[in-house]
N, C-alpha and C. Protein backbone atom coordinates (compact mmCIF):
# COMPACT_ATOMS: atom_id res chain seq x y z
N MET A 1 1.15 -164.09 -202.89
CA MET A 1 1.85 -165.24 -203.43
C MET A 1 1.77 -165.21 -204.95
N ASN A 2 2.86 -165.66 -205.56
CA ASN A 2 2.79 -165.67 -207.02
C ASN A 2 2.07 -166.92 -207.51
N LYS A 3 1.70 -166.90 -208.77
CA LYS A 3 0.89 -167.98 -209.36
C LYS A 3 1.62 -169.33 -209.30
N TYR A 4 2.93 -169.32 -209.47
CA TYR A 4 3.70 -170.57 -209.45
C TYR A 4 3.59 -171.25 -208.09
N VAL A 5 3.72 -170.48 -207.01
CA VAL A 5 3.65 -171.03 -205.66
C VAL A 5 2.25 -171.57 -205.40
N ILE A 6 1.23 -170.85 -205.84
CA ILE A 6 -0.15 -171.31 -205.65
C ILE A 6 -0.38 -172.63 -206.39
N LYS A 7 0.11 -172.71 -207.63
CA LYS A 7 -0.03 -173.97 -208.39
C LYS A 7 0.71 -175.11 -207.72
N LEU A 8 1.90 -174.83 -207.22
CA LEU A 8 2.69 -175.86 -206.54
C LEU A 8 1.98 -176.34 -205.28
N LEU A 9 1.48 -175.40 -204.48
CA LEU A 9 0.76 -175.77 -203.27
C LEU A 9 -0.52 -176.56 -203.59
N THR A 10 -1.22 -176.16 -204.63
CA THR A 10 -2.42 -176.88 -205.05
C THR A 10 -2.09 -178.30 -205.46
N ALA A 11 -1.02 -178.46 -206.22
CA ALA A 11 -0.59 -179.80 -206.65
C ALA A 11 -0.20 -180.66 -205.46
N LEU A 12 0.52 -180.08 -204.51
CA LEU A 12 0.92 -180.83 -203.32
C LEU A 12 -0.29 -181.23 -202.49
N LEU A 13 -1.24 -180.31 -202.33
CA LEU A 13 -2.44 -180.60 -201.57
C LEU A 13 -3.23 -181.73 -202.23
N CYS A 14 -3.37 -181.67 -203.54
CA CYS A 14 -4.10 -182.72 -204.27
C CYS A 14 -3.40 -184.06 -204.12
N SER A 15 -2.09 -184.06 -204.21
CA SER A 15 -1.37 -185.33 -204.10
C SER A 15 -1.51 -185.92 -202.70
N VAL A 16 -1.52 -185.06 -201.68
CA VAL A 16 -1.70 -185.53 -200.31
C VAL A 16 -3.11 -186.08 -200.12
N LEU A 17 -4.10 -185.39 -200.69
CA LEU A 17 -5.48 -185.85 -200.55
C LEU A 17 -5.73 -187.17 -201.26
N PHE A 18 -5.12 -187.35 -202.44
CA PHE A 18 -5.39 -188.55 -203.23
C PHE A 18 -4.41 -189.68 -202.97
N LEU A 19 -3.32 -189.41 -202.24
CA LEU A 19 -2.34 -190.45 -201.94
C LEU A 19 -2.98 -191.65 -201.25
N PRO A 20 -3.86 -191.43 -200.24
CA PRO A 20 -4.49 -192.60 -199.61
C PRO A 20 -5.33 -193.41 -200.59
N VAL A 21 -5.97 -192.74 -201.56
CA VAL A 21 -6.78 -193.45 -202.54
C VAL A 21 -5.90 -194.38 -203.37
N TRP A 22 -4.80 -193.85 -203.91
CA TRP A 22 -3.91 -194.68 -204.71
C TRP A 22 -3.24 -195.74 -203.86
N ALA A 23 -2.93 -195.40 -202.60
CA ALA A 23 -2.32 -196.38 -201.71
C ALA A 23 -3.29 -197.54 -201.50
N ASN A 24 -4.57 -197.24 -201.29
CA ASN A 24 -5.56 -198.31 -201.11
C ASN A 24 -5.63 -199.20 -202.34
N TYR A 25 -5.60 -198.59 -203.51
CA TYR A 25 -5.66 -199.39 -204.74
C TYR A 25 -4.42 -200.27 -204.86
N ASP A 26 -3.26 -199.66 -204.69
CA ASP A 26 -2.01 -200.42 -204.82
C ASP A 26 -1.90 -201.52 -203.77
N GLU A 27 -2.32 -201.21 -202.54
CA GLU A 27 -2.30 -202.23 -201.49
C GLU A 27 -3.25 -203.38 -201.84
N GLY A 28 -4.40 -203.03 -202.38
CA GLY A 28 -5.35 -204.06 -202.80
C GLY A 28 -4.80 -204.91 -203.93
N LEU A 29 -4.15 -204.26 -204.89
CA LEU A 29 -3.55 -204.98 -206.02
C LEU A 29 -2.45 -205.91 -205.54
N ALA A 30 -1.60 -205.43 -204.64
CA ALA A 30 -0.52 -206.27 -204.10
C ALA A 30 -1.10 -207.48 -203.36
N ALA A 31 -2.17 -207.24 -202.61
CA ALA A 31 -2.82 -208.35 -201.89
C ALA A 31 -3.42 -209.35 -202.86
N ALA A 32 -4.09 -208.86 -203.91
CA ALA A 32 -4.71 -209.77 -204.89
C ALA A 32 -3.65 -210.60 -205.60
N GLN A 33 -2.51 -210.00 -205.88
CA GLN A 33 -1.43 -210.74 -206.55
C GLN A 33 -0.88 -211.85 -205.66
N LYS A 34 -1.12 -211.74 -204.35
CA LYS A 34 -0.71 -212.79 -203.40
C LYS A 34 -1.90 -213.69 -203.04
N ASP A 35 -2.98 -213.57 -203.80
CA ASP A 35 -4.22 -214.31 -203.57
C ASP A 35 -4.86 -213.99 -202.22
N ASP A 36 -4.56 -212.82 -201.67
CA ASP A 36 -5.18 -212.36 -200.43
C ASP A 36 -6.34 -211.44 -200.82
N TYR A 37 -7.43 -212.06 -201.27
CA TYR A 37 -8.56 -211.30 -201.77
C TYR A 37 -9.35 -210.60 -200.67
N LYS A 38 -9.24 -211.09 -199.46
CA LYS A 38 -9.92 -210.42 -198.34
C LYS A 38 -9.33 -209.02 -198.13
N THR A 39 -8.00 -208.92 -198.14
CA THR A 39 -7.35 -207.62 -198.00
C THR A 39 -7.61 -206.76 -199.23
N ALA A 40 -7.54 -207.37 -200.41
CA ALA A 40 -7.81 -206.62 -201.65
C ALA A 40 -9.21 -206.03 -201.60
N PHE A 41 -10.17 -206.84 -201.23
CA PHE A 41 -11.55 -206.37 -201.14
C PHE A 41 -11.67 -205.22 -200.15
N SER A 42 -11.06 -205.36 -199.00
CA SER A 42 -11.12 -204.33 -197.97
C SER A 42 -10.61 -202.98 -198.50
N ASN A 43 -9.54 -203.01 -199.26
CA ASN A 43 -8.99 -201.78 -199.84
C ASN A 43 -9.86 -201.25 -200.97
N TRP A 44 -10.32 -202.13 -201.82
CA TRP A 44 -11.04 -201.70 -203.01
C TRP A 44 -12.48 -201.28 -202.73
N GLU A 45 -13.09 -201.85 -201.71
CA GLU A 45 -14.47 -201.49 -201.41
C GLU A 45 -14.59 -199.99 -201.13
N LYS A 46 -13.61 -199.44 -200.43
CA LYS A 46 -13.63 -198.00 -200.12
C LYS A 46 -13.59 -197.18 -201.40
N LEU A 47 -12.77 -197.60 -202.34
CA LEU A 47 -12.67 -196.88 -203.61
C LEU A 47 -13.94 -197.03 -204.43
N ALA A 48 -14.53 -198.22 -204.38
CA ALA A 48 -15.78 -198.45 -205.11
C ALA A 48 -16.88 -197.53 -204.58
N LYS A 49 -16.94 -197.37 -203.28
CA LYS A 49 -17.95 -196.50 -202.68
C LYS A 49 -17.72 -195.04 -203.06
N ASN A 50 -16.49 -194.69 -203.40
CA ASN A 50 -16.18 -193.33 -203.84
C ASN A 50 -16.48 -193.11 -205.31
N GLY A 51 -16.93 -194.17 -206.01
CA GLY A 51 -17.43 -193.99 -207.37
C GLY A 51 -16.52 -194.39 -208.52
N ASP A 52 -15.39 -195.02 -208.26
CA ASP A 52 -14.50 -195.43 -209.34
C ASP A 52 -15.11 -196.64 -210.07
N PRO A 53 -15.51 -196.48 -211.35
CA PRO A 53 -16.20 -197.58 -212.05
C PRO A 53 -15.32 -198.81 -212.27
N ASN A 54 -14.01 -198.63 -212.46
CA ASN A 54 -13.14 -199.78 -212.64
C ASN A 54 -13.06 -200.61 -211.37
N VAL A 55 -12.97 -199.93 -210.24
CA VAL A 55 -12.91 -200.64 -208.96
C VAL A 55 -14.29 -201.21 -208.62
N GLN A 56 -15.36 -200.50 -208.97
CA GLN A 56 -16.70 -201.03 -208.73
C GLN A 56 -16.88 -202.35 -209.47
N ALA A 57 -16.42 -202.41 -210.72
CA ALA A 57 -16.53 -203.64 -211.50
C ALA A 57 -15.69 -204.75 -210.88
N THR A 58 -14.54 -204.40 -210.34
CA THR A 58 -13.67 -205.38 -209.69
C THR A 58 -14.31 -205.91 -208.42
N VAL A 59 -14.89 -205.03 -207.63
CA VAL A 59 -15.59 -205.45 -206.41
C VAL A 59 -16.77 -206.36 -206.78
N ALA A 60 -17.45 -206.04 -207.86
CA ALA A 60 -18.55 -206.89 -208.33
C ALA A 60 -18.05 -208.30 -208.64
N VAL A 61 -16.91 -208.38 -209.30
CA VAL A 61 -16.33 -209.70 -209.63
C VAL A 61 -16.00 -210.46 -208.35
N LEU A 62 -15.46 -209.78 -207.35
CA LEU A 62 -15.14 -210.45 -206.08
C LEU A 62 -16.39 -210.99 -205.42
N TYR A 63 -17.46 -210.20 -205.41
CA TYR A 63 -18.74 -210.70 -204.86
C TYR A 63 -19.28 -211.84 -205.71
N HIS A 64 -19.19 -211.71 -207.01
CA HIS A 64 -19.71 -212.74 -207.92
C HIS A 64 -19.00 -214.07 -207.71
N ALA A 65 -17.68 -214.01 -207.57
CA ALA A 65 -16.88 -215.23 -207.42
C ALA A 65 -16.74 -215.68 -205.97
N GLY A 66 -17.07 -214.81 -205.03
CA GLY A 66 -16.88 -215.15 -203.63
C GLY A 66 -15.41 -215.16 -203.25
N GLN A 67 -14.65 -214.23 -203.78
CA GLN A 67 -13.23 -214.13 -203.46
C GLN A 67 -13.01 -212.98 -202.50
N GLY A 68 -12.57 -213.31 -201.29
CA GLY A 68 -12.32 -212.28 -200.28
C GLY A 68 -13.55 -211.89 -199.50
N VAL A 69 -14.70 -212.26 -200.01
CA VAL A 69 -15.99 -211.99 -199.35
C VAL A 69 -16.89 -213.19 -199.61
N LYS A 70 -17.95 -213.25 -198.81
CA LYS A 70 -18.94 -214.30 -199.05
C LYS A 70 -19.61 -214.02 -200.39
N GLN A 71 -19.76 -215.04 -201.21
CA GLN A 71 -20.40 -214.88 -202.52
C GLN A 71 -21.80 -214.29 -202.32
N ASN A 72 -22.07 -213.23 -203.09
CA ASN A 72 -23.35 -212.55 -202.95
C ASN A 72 -23.72 -211.97 -204.31
N TYR A 73 -24.62 -212.63 -205.00
CA TYR A 73 -24.99 -212.20 -206.33
C TYR A 73 -25.72 -210.85 -206.35
N GLN A 74 -26.50 -210.59 -205.31
CA GLN A 74 -27.20 -209.30 -205.27
C GLN A 74 -26.21 -208.14 -205.16
N LYS A 75 -25.17 -208.31 -204.34
CA LYS A 75 -24.16 -207.26 -204.22
C LYS A 75 -23.32 -207.17 -205.50
N ALA A 76 -23.05 -208.31 -206.12
CA ALA A 76 -22.33 -208.28 -207.40
C ALA A 76 -23.15 -207.50 -208.42
N PHE A 77 -24.42 -207.79 -208.49
CA PHE A 77 -25.32 -207.08 -209.41
C PHE A 77 -25.29 -205.58 -209.12
N TYR A 78 -25.39 -205.21 -207.85
CA TYR A 78 -25.38 -203.80 -207.45
C TYR A 78 -24.12 -203.09 -207.97
N TRP A 79 -22.95 -203.70 -207.75
CA TRP A 79 -21.70 -203.06 -208.16
C TRP A 79 -21.50 -203.08 -209.67
N TYR A 80 -21.92 -204.15 -210.33
CA TYR A 80 -21.87 -204.15 -211.80
C TYR A 80 -22.71 -203.00 -212.35
N LYS A 81 -23.89 -202.82 -211.77
CA LYS A 81 -24.79 -201.78 -212.28
C LYS A 81 -24.21 -200.39 -212.06
N LYS A 82 -23.61 -200.18 -210.89
CA LYS A 82 -22.97 -198.88 -210.61
C LYS A 82 -21.91 -198.58 -211.68
N ALA A 83 -21.07 -199.57 -211.97
CA ALA A 83 -20.00 -199.39 -212.96
C ALA A 83 -20.58 -199.26 -214.37
N ALA A 84 -21.57 -200.08 -214.67
CA ALA A 84 -22.19 -200.06 -216.01
C ALA A 84 -22.83 -198.72 -216.30
N GLN A 85 -23.44 -198.13 -215.32
CA GLN A 85 -24.10 -196.83 -215.51
C GLN A 85 -23.09 -195.71 -215.74
N GLN A 86 -21.83 -195.98 -215.44
CA GLN A 86 -20.77 -195.01 -215.70
C GLN A 86 -20.04 -195.32 -217.01
N GLY A 87 -20.58 -196.27 -217.77
CA GLY A 87 -20.01 -196.57 -219.08
C GLY A 87 -18.99 -197.68 -219.11
N HIS A 88 -18.85 -198.45 -218.05
CA HIS A 88 -17.87 -199.55 -218.00
C HIS A 88 -18.41 -200.73 -218.81
N ALA A 89 -17.81 -200.97 -219.97
CA ALA A 89 -18.34 -201.95 -220.93
C ALA A 89 -18.40 -203.37 -220.38
N ALA A 90 -17.34 -203.81 -219.71
CA ALA A 90 -17.34 -205.18 -219.18
C ALA A 90 -18.44 -205.35 -218.14
N ALA A 91 -18.66 -204.33 -217.34
CA ALA A 91 -19.75 -204.38 -216.35
C ALA A 91 -21.10 -204.42 -217.05
N GLN A 92 -21.23 -203.71 -218.17
CA GLN A 92 -22.47 -203.74 -218.95
C GLN A 92 -22.75 -205.15 -219.47
N VAL A 93 -21.71 -205.79 -219.96
CA VAL A 93 -21.86 -207.18 -220.44
C VAL A 93 -22.26 -208.09 -219.29
N ASN A 94 -21.58 -207.96 -218.16
CA ASN A 94 -21.90 -208.82 -217.01
C ASN A 94 -23.31 -208.57 -216.49
N LEU A 95 -23.75 -207.34 -216.58
CA LEU A 95 -25.12 -207.03 -216.20
C LEU A 95 -26.10 -207.73 -217.15
N GLY A 96 -25.78 -207.72 -218.44
CA GLY A 96 -26.58 -208.45 -219.41
C GLY A 96 -26.69 -209.93 -219.08
N VAL A 97 -25.57 -210.51 -218.67
CA VAL A 97 -25.55 -211.93 -218.28
C VAL A 97 -26.44 -212.15 -217.06
N MET A 98 -26.29 -211.29 -216.07
CA MET A 98 -27.04 -211.47 -214.83
C MET A 98 -28.55 -211.33 -215.06
N TYR A 99 -28.94 -210.36 -215.89
CA TYR A 99 -30.36 -210.24 -216.23
C TYR A 99 -30.85 -211.46 -217.01
N ALA A 100 -30.04 -211.95 -217.92
CA ALA A 100 -30.45 -213.11 -218.73
C ALA A 100 -30.65 -214.35 -217.88
N LYS A 101 -29.79 -214.54 -216.91
CA LYS A 101 -29.85 -215.74 -216.06
C LYS A 101 -30.70 -215.55 -214.81
N GLY A 102 -31.02 -214.29 -214.50
CA GLY A 102 -31.73 -214.04 -213.25
C GLY A 102 -30.83 -214.24 -212.05
N THR A 103 -29.58 -213.88 -212.19
CA THR A 103 -28.59 -214.03 -211.12
C THR A 103 -28.45 -212.71 -210.38
N GLY A 104 -28.84 -212.69 -209.12
CA GLY A 104 -28.73 -211.48 -208.31
C GLY A 104 -29.85 -210.50 -208.56
N THR A 105 -30.73 -210.83 -209.47
CA THR A 105 -31.87 -209.98 -209.83
C THR A 105 -32.93 -210.84 -210.49
N LYS A 106 -34.07 -210.25 -210.72
CA LYS A 106 -35.13 -210.97 -211.43
C LYS A 106 -34.72 -211.12 -212.90
N GLN A 107 -34.96 -212.27 -213.47
CA GLN A 107 -34.65 -212.48 -214.89
C GLN A 107 -35.47 -211.51 -215.73
N ASP A 108 -34.78 -210.84 -216.66
CA ASP A 108 -35.44 -209.85 -217.50
C ASP A 108 -34.68 -209.79 -218.83
N MET A 109 -35.23 -210.44 -219.84
CA MET A 109 -34.55 -210.53 -221.13
C MET A 109 -34.51 -209.18 -221.86
N ILE A 110 -35.46 -208.31 -221.59
CA ILE A 110 -35.45 -206.98 -222.21
C ILE A 110 -34.28 -206.17 -221.65
N GLU A 111 -34.11 -206.19 -220.34
CA GLU A 111 -32.96 -205.52 -219.73
C GLU A 111 -31.65 -206.16 -220.19
N SER A 112 -31.63 -207.47 -220.28
CA SER A 112 -30.44 -208.17 -220.73
C SER A 112 -30.04 -207.68 -222.12
N TYR A 113 -31.00 -207.66 -223.02
CA TYR A 113 -30.75 -207.18 -224.38
C TYR A 113 -30.21 -205.75 -224.37
N ALA A 114 -30.85 -204.89 -223.58
CA ALA A 114 -30.46 -203.47 -223.55
C ALA A 114 -29.02 -203.29 -223.08
N TRP A 115 -28.62 -204.02 -222.05
CA TRP A 115 -27.25 -203.88 -221.54
C TRP A 115 -26.23 -204.49 -222.51
N TYR A 116 -26.54 -205.67 -223.05
CA TYR A 116 -25.65 -206.26 -224.06
C TYR A 116 -25.50 -205.31 -225.25
N SER A 117 -26.62 -204.81 -225.71
CA SER A 117 -26.63 -203.94 -226.88
C SER A 117 -25.86 -202.66 -226.62
N LEU A 118 -26.03 -202.09 -225.45
CA LEU A 118 -25.28 -200.89 -225.08
C LEU A 118 -23.78 -201.14 -225.15
N ALA A 119 -23.33 -202.23 -224.58
CA ALA A 119 -21.90 -202.55 -224.60
C ALA A 119 -21.41 -202.75 -226.03
N ALA A 120 -22.21 -203.41 -226.84
CA ALA A 120 -21.80 -203.69 -228.22
C ALA A 120 -21.76 -202.42 -229.07
N LYS A 121 -22.74 -201.54 -228.89
CA LYS A 121 -22.85 -200.36 -229.75
C LYS A 121 -21.94 -199.22 -229.34
N THR A 122 -21.60 -199.13 -228.09
CA THR A 122 -20.80 -197.98 -227.65
C THR A 122 -19.34 -198.32 -227.42
N ASN A 123 -18.97 -199.59 -227.55
CA ASN A 123 -17.60 -199.97 -227.26
C ASN A 123 -16.91 -200.47 -228.52
N LYS A 124 -15.79 -199.88 -228.81
CA LYS A 124 -15.05 -200.24 -230.02
C LYS A 124 -14.01 -201.34 -229.76
N ASP A 125 -13.87 -201.75 -228.52
CA ASP A 125 -12.90 -202.78 -228.17
C ASP A 125 -13.40 -204.13 -228.68
N LYS A 126 -12.67 -204.74 -229.60
CA LYS A 126 -13.09 -206.00 -230.22
C LYS A 126 -13.26 -207.11 -229.19
N ARG A 127 -12.48 -207.06 -228.11
CA ARG A 127 -12.60 -208.09 -227.09
C ARG A 127 -13.98 -208.08 -226.45
N ILE A 128 -14.55 -206.90 -226.29
CA ILE A 128 -15.91 -206.81 -225.73
C ILE A 128 -16.92 -207.30 -226.75
N GLY A 129 -16.82 -206.81 -227.97
CA GLY A 129 -17.76 -207.18 -229.02
C GLY A 129 -17.79 -208.68 -229.29
N ASN A 130 -16.64 -209.31 -229.24
CA ASN A 130 -16.56 -210.75 -229.51
C ASN A 130 -17.21 -211.58 -228.42
N ARG A 131 -17.41 -211.01 -227.27
CA ARG A 131 -18.02 -211.75 -226.15
C ARG A 131 -19.52 -211.59 -226.10
N LEU A 132 -20.08 -210.94 -227.08
CA LEU A 132 -21.50 -210.64 -227.00
C LEU A 132 -22.38 -211.68 -227.68
N TRP A 133 -21.95 -212.93 -227.63
CA TRP A 133 -22.80 -214.00 -228.13
C TRP A 133 -24.13 -213.98 -227.39
N GLY A 134 -24.14 -213.46 -226.17
CA GLY A 134 -25.36 -213.38 -225.37
C GLY A 134 -26.40 -212.48 -226.00
N LEU A 135 -25.97 -211.51 -226.78
CA LEU A 135 -26.92 -210.62 -227.45
C LEU A 135 -27.76 -211.41 -228.44
N ASP A 136 -27.12 -212.28 -229.21
CA ASP A 136 -27.86 -213.12 -230.16
C ASP A 136 -28.81 -214.07 -229.44
N THR A 137 -28.32 -214.66 -228.36
CA THR A 137 -29.13 -215.60 -227.59
C THR A 137 -30.34 -214.90 -226.98
N THR A 138 -30.10 -213.71 -226.44
CA THR A 138 -31.19 -212.93 -225.84
C THR A 138 -32.21 -212.51 -226.90
N THR A 139 -31.73 -212.04 -228.03
CA THR A 139 -32.61 -211.62 -229.12
C THR A 139 -33.53 -212.76 -229.54
N ALA A 140 -32.98 -213.96 -229.62
CA ALA A 140 -33.76 -215.12 -230.05
C ALA A 140 -34.88 -215.46 -229.08
N GLN A 141 -34.76 -215.02 -227.84
CA GLN A 141 -35.77 -215.34 -226.82
C GLN A 141 -36.87 -214.27 -226.70
N LEU A 142 -36.74 -213.21 -227.47
CA LEU A 142 -37.73 -212.13 -227.41
C LEU A 142 -38.72 -212.23 -228.56
N ASN A 143 -39.99 -211.99 -228.27
CA ASN A 143 -40.96 -211.90 -229.35
C ASN A 143 -40.82 -210.51 -229.98
N PRO A 144 -41.44 -210.27 -231.13
CA PRO A 144 -41.28 -208.97 -231.81
C PRO A 144 -41.62 -207.76 -230.94
N LYS A 145 -42.68 -207.84 -230.15
CA LYS A 145 -43.05 -206.73 -229.28
C LYS A 145 -41.98 -206.48 -228.22
N GLN A 146 -41.48 -207.56 -227.62
CA GLN A 146 -40.43 -207.43 -226.61
C GLN A 146 -39.14 -206.89 -227.23
N LEU A 147 -38.82 -207.35 -228.43
CA LEU A 147 -37.61 -206.88 -229.10
C LEU A 147 -37.69 -205.37 -229.34
N LYS A 148 -38.86 -204.91 -229.74
CA LYS A 148 -39.04 -203.47 -229.96
C LYS A 148 -38.84 -202.70 -228.65
N GLN A 149 -39.38 -203.22 -227.56
CA GLN A 149 -39.20 -202.61 -226.24
C GLN A 149 -37.71 -202.59 -225.86
N ALA A 150 -37.06 -203.71 -226.10
CA ALA A 150 -35.64 -203.84 -225.75
C ALA A 150 -34.78 -202.87 -226.56
N GLN A 151 -35.09 -202.73 -227.83
CA GLN A 151 -34.34 -201.81 -228.68
C GLN A 151 -34.54 -200.36 -228.23
N LYS A 152 -35.76 -200.04 -227.85
CA LYS A 152 -36.06 -198.69 -227.36
C LYS A 152 -35.29 -198.42 -226.06
N LEU A 153 -35.28 -199.39 -225.16
CA LEU A 153 -34.56 -199.26 -223.91
C LEU A 153 -33.06 -199.13 -224.17
N SER A 154 -32.57 -199.91 -225.11
CA SER A 154 -31.16 -199.85 -225.48
C SER A 154 -30.78 -198.45 -225.97
N GLN A 155 -31.62 -197.86 -226.81
CA GLN A 155 -31.35 -196.51 -227.31
C GLN A 155 -31.33 -195.49 -226.16
N HIS A 156 -32.23 -195.68 -225.23
CA HIS A 156 -32.25 -194.81 -224.05
C HIS A 156 -30.94 -194.94 -223.27
N TYR A 157 -30.48 -196.18 -223.06
CA TYR A 157 -29.24 -196.41 -222.33
C TYR A 157 -28.03 -195.85 -223.08
N ILE A 158 -28.04 -195.97 -224.39
CA ILE A 158 -26.92 -195.45 -225.19
C ILE A 158 -26.78 -193.94 -224.98
N LYS A 159 -27.91 -193.25 -224.90
CA LYS A 159 -27.87 -191.81 -224.66
C LYS A 159 -27.49 -191.48 -223.22
N LYS A 160 -27.96 -192.29 -222.31
CA LYS A 160 -27.79 -192.00 -220.89
C LYS A 160 -26.43 -192.41 -220.33
N TYR A 161 -25.91 -193.56 -220.75
CA TYR A 161 -24.68 -194.10 -220.17
C TYR A 161 -23.56 -194.09 -221.20
N LYS A 162 -22.79 -193.05 -221.17
CA LYS A 162 -21.68 -192.90 -222.11
C LYS A 162 -20.60 -193.94 -221.80
N PRO A 163 -19.94 -194.46 -222.83
CA PRO A 163 -18.88 -195.46 -222.58
C PRO A 163 -17.68 -194.84 -221.89
N GLN A 164 -17.18 -195.56 -220.91
CA GLN A 164 -16.01 -195.11 -220.16
C GLN A 164 -14.76 -195.84 -220.63
N THR A 165 -14.90 -197.09 -221.04
CA THR A 165 -13.74 -197.90 -221.37
C THR A 165 -13.58 -198.12 -222.86
N ALA A 166 -14.35 -197.44 -223.68
CA ALA A 166 -14.28 -197.63 -225.13
C ALA A 166 -12.93 -197.18 -225.66
N ALA A 167 -12.37 -197.97 -226.56
CA ALA A 167 -11.10 -197.61 -227.19
C ALA A 167 -11.32 -196.43 -228.13
N LYS A 168 -10.36 -195.54 -228.17
CA LYS A 168 -10.47 -194.38 -229.06
C LYS A 168 -9.94 -194.74 -230.43
N LYS A 169 -10.52 -194.07 -231.45
CA LYS A 169 -10.06 -194.29 -232.83
C LYS A 169 -8.79 -193.52 -233.06
């Protein structure tokens, strides 16, 4: 077979394999636009389990708000963290909020600071940066020793979790 035919067959195979994934997303989006969050969740949960950070963050929001599923802060926290660890800035901010309030997890102001700080330092999107009033609030609640710990943890996260949704220059 010539190279052109192999490339064409590869492209067709990939499109067939990924068509159900996109169909699930589109079906979920259509359902959400009709306020049918139960169907949206059903479609998106499969994609979230396959590792898509944008869908993971969306599933987290559904659990957080109790839309389409029973409200469950622990599951919201789980999905926010999955997305945040892949560099999803909004999920990083929401994780900061959850740690600060102790929602779905044990309250931990050092973790809260680290996630807020990660989102602020690695994301160039002004909309994310403007929402980080929580970073100032969290900082004010830490003593100097805790702040040093939080800054160290933040630096570790900055190296470990590259931004996925950061705007390019």
